[in-house]
Amino acid sequence: MESGPEAFAGAAFALFGAGLLVWTAVCVRAGESVADGVSRSSGMALALLFGAVFLGTGCWLLL
């Protein structure tokens, strides 16, 4: 059984990671830049990487 702060942190990490992945997918599908000042491919790759890391960390904390 997880503690209260651990469950809250897990939910926050999971929601942020899922939101980042959805936002990245919408930007890429619309042909827009994911981040200002960087190339489209590197911005997309980093956003996908960090979205997956945050989502995975959140799921791990909730287990």
PDB file of N, CA and C in Angstrom:
ATOM      1  N   MET A   1       0.847  -1.175   0.000  1.00  0.00           N
ATOM      2  CA  MET A   1       0.000   0.000   0.000  1.00  0.00           C
ATOM      3  C   MET A   1       0.890   1.234   0.000  1.00  0.00           C
ATOM      4  N   GLU A   2       0.674   2.105  -0.953  1.00  0.00           N
ATOM      5  CA  GLU A   2       1.501   3.295  -1.046  1.00  0.00           C
ATOM      6  C   GLU A   2       1.032   4.357  -0.058  1.00  0.00           C
ATOM      7  N   SER A   3       1.948   5.219   0.287  1.00  0.00           N
ATOM      8  CA  SER A   3       1.597   6.298   1.198  1.00  0.00           C
ATOM      9  C   SER A   3       0.928   7.428   0.418  1.00  0.00           C
ATOM     10  N   GLY A   4       0.365   8.386   1.141  1.00  0.00           N
ATOM     11  CA  GLY A   4      -0.339   9.495   0.510  1.00  0.00           C
ATOM     12  C   GLY A   4       0.541  10.325  -0.408  1.00  0.00           C
ATOM     13  N   PRO A   5       1.702  10.791   0.081  1.00  0.00           N
ATOM     14  CA  PRO A   5       2.558  11.604  -0.786  1.00  0.00           C
ATOM     15  C   PRO A   5       3.078  10.843  -2.009  1.00  0.00           C
ATOM     16  N   GLU A   6       3.341   9.565  -1.845  1.00  0.00           N
ATOM     17  CA  GLU A   6       3.817   8.768  -2.977  1.00  0.00           C
ATOM     18  C   GLU A   6       2.729   8.614  -4.036  1.00  0.00           C
ATOM     19  N   ALA A   7       1.501   8.419  -3.603  1.00  0.00           N
ATOM     20  CA  ALA A   7       0.392   8.300  -4.550  1.00  0.00           C
ATOM     21  C   ALA A   7       0.149   9.628  -5.258  1.00  0.00           C
ATOM     22  N   PHE A   8       0.235  10.727  -4.519  1.00  0.00           N
ATOM     23  CA  PHE A   8       0.052  12.041  -5.130  1.00  0.00           C
ATOM     24  C   PHE A   8       1.148  12.317  -6.153  1.00  0.00           C
ATOM     25  N   ALA A   9       2.403  12.023  -5.799  1.00  0.00           N
ATOM     26  CA  ALA A   9       3.514  12.237  -6.728  1.00  0.00           C
ATOM     27  C   ALA A   9       3.371  11.351  -7.958  1.00  0.00           C
ATOM     28  N   GLY A  10       2.959  10.099  -7.768  1.00  0.00           N
ATOM     29  CA  GLY A  10       2.764   9.202  -8.890  1.00  0.00           C
ATOM     30  C   GLY A  10       1.678   9.694  -9.836  1.00  0.00           C
ATOM     31  N   ALA A  11       0.579  10.175  -9.268  1.00  0.00           N
ATOM     32  CA  ALA A  11      -0.496  10.697 -10.107  1.00  0.00           C
ATOM     33  C   ALA A  11      -0.058  11.947 -10.852  1.00  0.00           C
ATOM     34  N   ALA A  12       0.681  12.818 -10.169  1.00  0.00           N
ATOM     35  CA  ALA A  12       1.153  14.047 -10.815  1.00  0.00           C
ATOM     36  C   ALA A  12       2.127  13.732 -11.947  1.00  0.00           C
ATOM     37  N   PHE A  13       3.068  12.829 -11.710  1.00  0.00           N
ATOM     38  CA  PHE A  13       4.026  12.450 -12.746  1.00  0.00           C
ATOM     39  C   PHE A  13       3.313  11.799 -13.929  1.00  0.00           C
ATOM     40  N   ALA A  14       2.386  10.898 -13.649  1.00  0.00           N
ATOM     41  CA  ALA A  14       1.679  10.198 -14.725  1.00  0.00           C
ATOM     42  C   ALA A  14       0.828  11.160 -15.551  1.00  0.00           C
ATOM     43  N   LEU A  15       0.135  12.081 -14.900  1.00  0.00           N
ATOM     44  CA  LEU A  15      -0.687  13.046 -15.641  1.00  0.00           C
ATOM     45  C   LEU A  15       0.176  13.982 -16.474  1.00  0.00           C
ATOM     46  N   PHE A  16       1.298  14.428 -15.912  1.00  0.00           N
ATOM     47  CA  PHE A  16       2.182  15.306 -16.671  1.00  0.00           C
ATOM     48  C   PHE A  16       2.775  14.575 -17.868  1.00  0.00           C
ATOM     49  N   GLY A  17       3.224  13.339 -17.672  1.00  0.00           N
ATOM     50  CA  GLY A  17       3.794  12.572 -18.781  1.00  0.00           C
ATOM     51  C   GLY A  17       2.787  12.299 -19.870  1.00  0.00           C
ATOM     52  N   ALA A  18       1.572  11.934 -19.490  1.00  0.00           N
ATOM     53  CA  ALA A  18       0.530  11.679 -20.483  1.00  0.00           C
ATOM     54  C   ALA A  18       0.160  12.961 -21.223  1.00  0.00           C
ATOM     55  N   GLY A  19       0.070  14.056 -20.496  1.00  0.00           N
ATOM     56  CA  GLY A  19      -0.229  15.337 -21.126  1.00  0.00           C
ATOM     57  C   GLY A  19       0.848  15.773 -22.097  1.00  0.00           C
ATOM     58  N   LEU A  20       2.095  15.555 -21.722  1.00  0.00           N
ATOM     59  CA  LEU A  20       3.215  15.910 -22.603  1.00  0.00           C
ATOM     60  C   LEU A  20       3.204  15.070 -23.872  1.00  0.00           C
ATOM     61  N   LEU A  21       2.892  13.787 -23.751  1.00  0.00           N
ATOM     62  CA  LEU A  21       2.822  12.926 -24.928  1.00  0.00           C
ATOM     63  C   LEU A  21       1.669  13.323 -25.844  1.00  0.00           C
ATOM     64  N   VAL A  22       0.518  13.642 -25.270  1.00  0.00           N
ATOM     65  CA  VAL A  22      -0.624  14.058 -26.087  1.00  0.00           C
ATOM     66  C   VAL A  22      -0.332  15.383 -26.778  1.00  0.00           C
ATOM     67  N   TRP A  23       0.226  16.335 -26.038  1.00  0.00           N
ATOM     68  CA  TRP A  23       0.552  17.642 -26.608  1.00  0.00           C
ATOM     69  C   TRP A  23       1.574  17.509 -27.744  1.00  0.00           C
ATOM     70  N   THR A  24       2.575  16.654 -27.557  1.00  0.00           N
ATOM     71  CA  THR A  24       3.576  16.427 -28.599  1.00  0.00           C
ATOM     72  C   THR A  24       2.934  15.820 -29.836  1.00  0.00           C
ATOM     73  N   ALA A  25       2.049  14.850 -29.641  1.00  0.00           N
ATOM     74  CA  ALA A  25       1.385  14.218 -30.785  1.00  0.00           C
ATOM     75  C   ALA A  25       0.530  15.225 -31.551  1.00  0.00           C
ATOM     76  N   VAL A  26      -0.167  16.097 -30.843  1.00  0.00           N
ATOM     77  CA  VAL A  26      -1.014  17.098 -31.504  1.00  0.00           C
ATOM     78  C   VAL A  26      -0.157  18.080 -32.293  1.00  0.00           C
ATOM     79  N   CYS A  27       0.949  18.524 -31.708  1.00  0.00           N
ATOM     80  CA  CYS A  27       1.840  19.465 -32.410  1.00  0.00           C
ATOM     81  C   CYS A  27       2.458  18.828 -33.650  1.00  0.00           C
ATOM     82  N   VAL A  28       2.909  17.598 -33.532  1.00  0.00           N
ATOM     83  CA  VAL A  28       3.538  16.920 -34.672  1.00  0.00           C
ATOM     84  C   VAL A  28       2.516  16.674 -35.771  1.00  0.00           C
ATOM     85  N   ARG A  29       1.325  16.259 -35.382  1.00  0.00           N
ATOM     86  CA  ARG A  29       0.289  15.991 -36.384  1.00  0.00           C
ATOM     87  C   ARG A  29      -0.132  17.263 -37.119  1.00  0.00           C
ATOM     88  N   ALA A  30      -0.130  18.391 -36.419  1.00  0.00           N
ATOM     89  CA  ALA A  30      -0.500  19.661 -37.037  1.00  0.00           C
ATOM     90  C   ALA A  30       0.662  20.289 -37.803  1.00  0.00           C
ATOM     91  N   GLY A  31       1.849  19.715 -37.678  1.00  0.00           N
ATOM     92  CA  GLY A  31       3.017  20.239 -38.372  1.00  0.00           C
ATOM     93  C   GLY A  31       3.653  21.438 -37.690  1.00  0.00           C
ATOM     94  N   GLU A  32       3.312  21.660 -36.436  1.00  0.00           N
ATOM     95  CA  GLU A  32       3.871  22.777 -35.690  1.00  0.00           C
ATOM     96  C   GLU A  32       5.139  22.354 -34.955  1.00  0.00           C
ATOM     97  N   SER A  33       5.898  23.333 -34.521  1.00  0.00           N
ATOM     98  CA  SER A  33       7.098  23.079 -33.739  1.00  0.00           C
ATOM     99  C   SER A  33       6.708  22.702 -32.311  1.00  0.00           C
ATOM    100  N   VAL A  34       7.406  21.748 -31.751  1.00  0.00           N
ATOM    101  CA  VAL A  34       7.129  21.318 -30.381  1.00  0.00           C
ATOM    102  C   VAL A  34       7.745  22.298 -29.385  1.00  0.00           C
ATOM    103  N   ALA A  35       8.930  22.808 -29.697  1.00  0.00           N
ATOM    104  CA  ALA A  35       9.621  23.756 -28.823  1.00  0.00           C
ATOM    105  C   ALA A  35      10.225  24.863 -29.677  1.00  0.00           C
ATOM    106  N   ASP A  36      10.213  26.072 -29.157  1.00  0.00           N
ATOM    107  CA  ASP A  36      10.796  27.200 -29.877  1.00  0.00           C
ATOM    108  C   ASP A  36      12.313  27.185 -29.741  1.00  0.00           C
ATOM    109  N   GLY A  37      12.995  27.513 -30.816  1.00  0.00           N
ATOM    110  CA  GLY A  37      14.441  27.654 -30.780  1.00  0.00           C
ATOM    111  C   GLY A  37      15.239  26.392 -31.039  1.00  0.00           C
ATOM    112  N   VAL A  38      14.578  25.276 -31.266  1.00  0.00           N
ATOM    113  CA  VAL A  38      15.290  24.026 -31.575  1.00  0.00           C
ATOM    114  C   VAL A  38      14.684  23.432 -32.842  1.00  0.00           C
ATOM    115  N   SER A  39      15.401  22.514 -33.450  1.00  0.00           N
ATOM    116  CA  SER A  39      14.873  21.874 -34.652  1.00  0.00           C
ATOM    117  C   SER A  39      13.665  21.004 -34.303  1.00  0.00           C
ATOM    118  N   ARG A  40      12.808  20.778 -35.292  1.00  0.00           N
ATOM    119  CA  ARG A  40      11.586  20.006 -35.051  1.00  0.00           C
ATOM    120  C   ARG A  40      11.883  18.585 -34.603  1.00  0.00           C
ATOM    121  N   SER A  41      12.893  17.966 -35.217  1.00  0.00           N
ATOM    122  CA  SER A  41      13.164  16.566 -34.872  1.00  0.00           C
ATOM    123  C   SER A  41      13.726  16.419 -33.459  1.00  0.00           C
ATOM    124  N   SER A  42      14.627  17.309 -33.062  1.00  0.00           N
ATOM    125  CA  SER A  42      15.189  17.186 -31.713  1.00  0.00           C
ATOM    126  C   SER A  42      14.156  17.564 -30.653  1.00  0.00           C
ATOM    127  N   GLY A  43      13.329  18.565 -30.920  1.00  0.00           N
ATOM    128  CA  GLY A  43      12.272  18.920 -29.977  1.00  0.00           C
ATOM    129  C   GLY A  43      11.275  17.794 -29.798  1.00  0.00           C
ATOM    130  N   MET A  44      10.904  17.155 -30.898  1.00  0.00           N
ATOM    131  CA  MET A  44       9.969  16.044 -30.830  1.00  0.00           C
ATOM    132  C   MET A  44      10.580  14.871 -30.076  1.00  0.00           C
ATOM    133  N   ALA A  45      11.831  14.557 -30.380  1.00  0.00           N
ATOM    134  CA  ALA A  45      12.476  13.414 -29.731  1.00  0.00           C
ATOM    135  C   ALA A  45      12.603  13.631 -28.226  1.00  0.00           C
ATOM    136  N   LEU A  46      13.020  14.820 -27.826  1.00  0.00           N
ATOM    137  CA  LEU A  46      13.171  15.085 -26.392  1.00  0.00           C
ATOM    138  C   LEU A  46      11.824  15.111 -25.677  1.00  0.00           C
ATOM    139  N   ALA A  47      10.812  15.680 -26.308  1.00  0.00           N
ATOM    140  CA  ALA A  47       9.486  15.706 -25.686  1.00  0.00           C
ATOM    141  C   ALA A  47       8.930  14.292 -25.532  1.00  0.00           C
ATOM    142  N   LEU A  48       9.107  13.449 -26.538  1.00  0.00           N
ATOM    143  CA  LEU A  48       8.658  12.064 -26.428  1.00  0.00           C
ATOM    144  C   LEU A  48       9.431  11.307 -25.358  1.00  0.00           C
ATOM    145  N   LEU A  49      10.740  11.531 -25.292  1.00  0.00           N
ATOM    146  CA  LEU A  49      11.567  10.861 -24.287  1.00  0.00           C
ATOM    147  C   LEU A  49      11.141  11.253 -22.881  1.00  0.00           C
ATOM    148  N   PHE A  50      11.024  12.546 -22.629  1.00  0.00           N
ATOM    149  CA  PHE A  50      10.665  12.994 -21.287  1.00  0.00           C
ATOM    150  C   PHE A  50       9.224  12.651 -20.939  1.00  0.00           C
ATOM    151  N   GLY A  51       8.332  12.668 -21.915  1.00  0.00           N
ATOM    152  CA  GLY A  51       6.953  12.248 -21.658  1.00  0.00           C
ATOM    153  C   GLY A  51       6.887  10.793 -21.232  1.00  0.00           C
ATOM    154  N   ALA A  52       7.637   9.943 -21.921  1.00  0.00           N
ATOM    155  CA  ALA A  52       7.656   8.523 -21.572  1.00  0.00           C
ATOM    156  C   ALA A  52       8.303   8.295 -20.208  1.00  0.00           C
ATOM    157  N   VAL A  53       9.359   9.050 -19.911  1.00  0.00           N
ATOM    158  CA  VAL A  53      10.039   8.906 -18.617  1.00  0.00           C
ATOM    159  C   VAL A  53       9.104   9.328 -17.481  1.00  0.00           C
ATOM    160  N   PHE A  54       8.427  10.465 -17.637  1.00  0.00           N
ATOM    161  CA  PHE A  54       7.511  10.918 -16.594  1.00  0.00           C
ATOM    162  C   PHE A  54       6.337   9.963 -16.428  1.00  0.00           C
ATOM    163  N   LEU A  55       5.780   9.470 -17.529  1.00  0.00           N
ATOM    164  CA  LEU A  55       4.673   8.527 -17.449  1.00  0.00           C
ATOM    165  C   LEU A  55       5.116   7.227 -16.781  1.00  0.00           C
ATOM    166  N   GLY A  56       6.275   6.726 -17.152  1.00  0.00           N
ATOM    167  CA  GLY A  56       6.790   5.504 -16.535  1.00  0.00           C
ATOM    168  C   GLY A  56       7.082   5.672 -15.051  1.00  0.00           C
ATOM    169  N   THR A  57       7.650   6.813 -14.688  1.00  0.00           N
ATOM    170  CA  THR A  57       7.938   7.082 -13.281  1.00  0.00           C
ATOM    171  C   THR A  57       6.645   7.177 -12.476  1.00  0.00           C
ATOM    172  N   GLY A  58       5.647   7.843 -13.036  1.00  0.00           N
ATOM    173  CA  GLY A  58       4.374   7.945 -12.346  1.00  0.00           C
ATOM    174  C   GLY A  58       3.714   6.597 -12.145  1.00  0.00           C
ATOM    175  N   CYS A  59       3.742   5.765 -13.166  1.00  0.00           N
ATOM    176  CA  CYS A  59       3.168   4.416 -13.037  1.00  0.00           C
ATOM    177  C   CYS A  59       3.941   3.583 -12.020  1.00  0.00           C
ATOM    178  N   TRP A  60       5.261   3.735 -12.000  1.00  0.00           N
ATOM    179  CA  TRP A  60       6.079   2.987 -11.048  1.00  0.00           C
ATOM    180  C   TRP A  60       5.767   3.419  -9.612  1.00  0.00           C
ATOM    181  N   LEU A  61       5.572   4.724  -9.406  1.00  0.00           N
ATOM    182  CA  LEU A  61       5.259   5.202  -8.069  1.00  0.00           C
ATOM    183  C   LEU A  61       3.878   4.753  -7.604  1.00  0.00           C
ATOM    184  N   LEU A  62       2.965   4.573  -8.555  1.00  0.00           N
ATOM    185  CA  LEU A  62       1.622   4.142  -8.180  1.00  0.00           C
ATOM    186  C   LEU A  62       1.519   2.648  -7.899  1.00  0.00           C
ATOM    187  N   LEU A  63       2.502   1.887  -8.323  1.00  0.00           N
ATOM    188  CA  LEU A  63       2.445   0.427  -8.078  1.00  0.00           C
ATOM    189  C   LEU A  63       2.792   0.066  -6.674  1.00  0.00           C
TER     190      LEU A  63
END
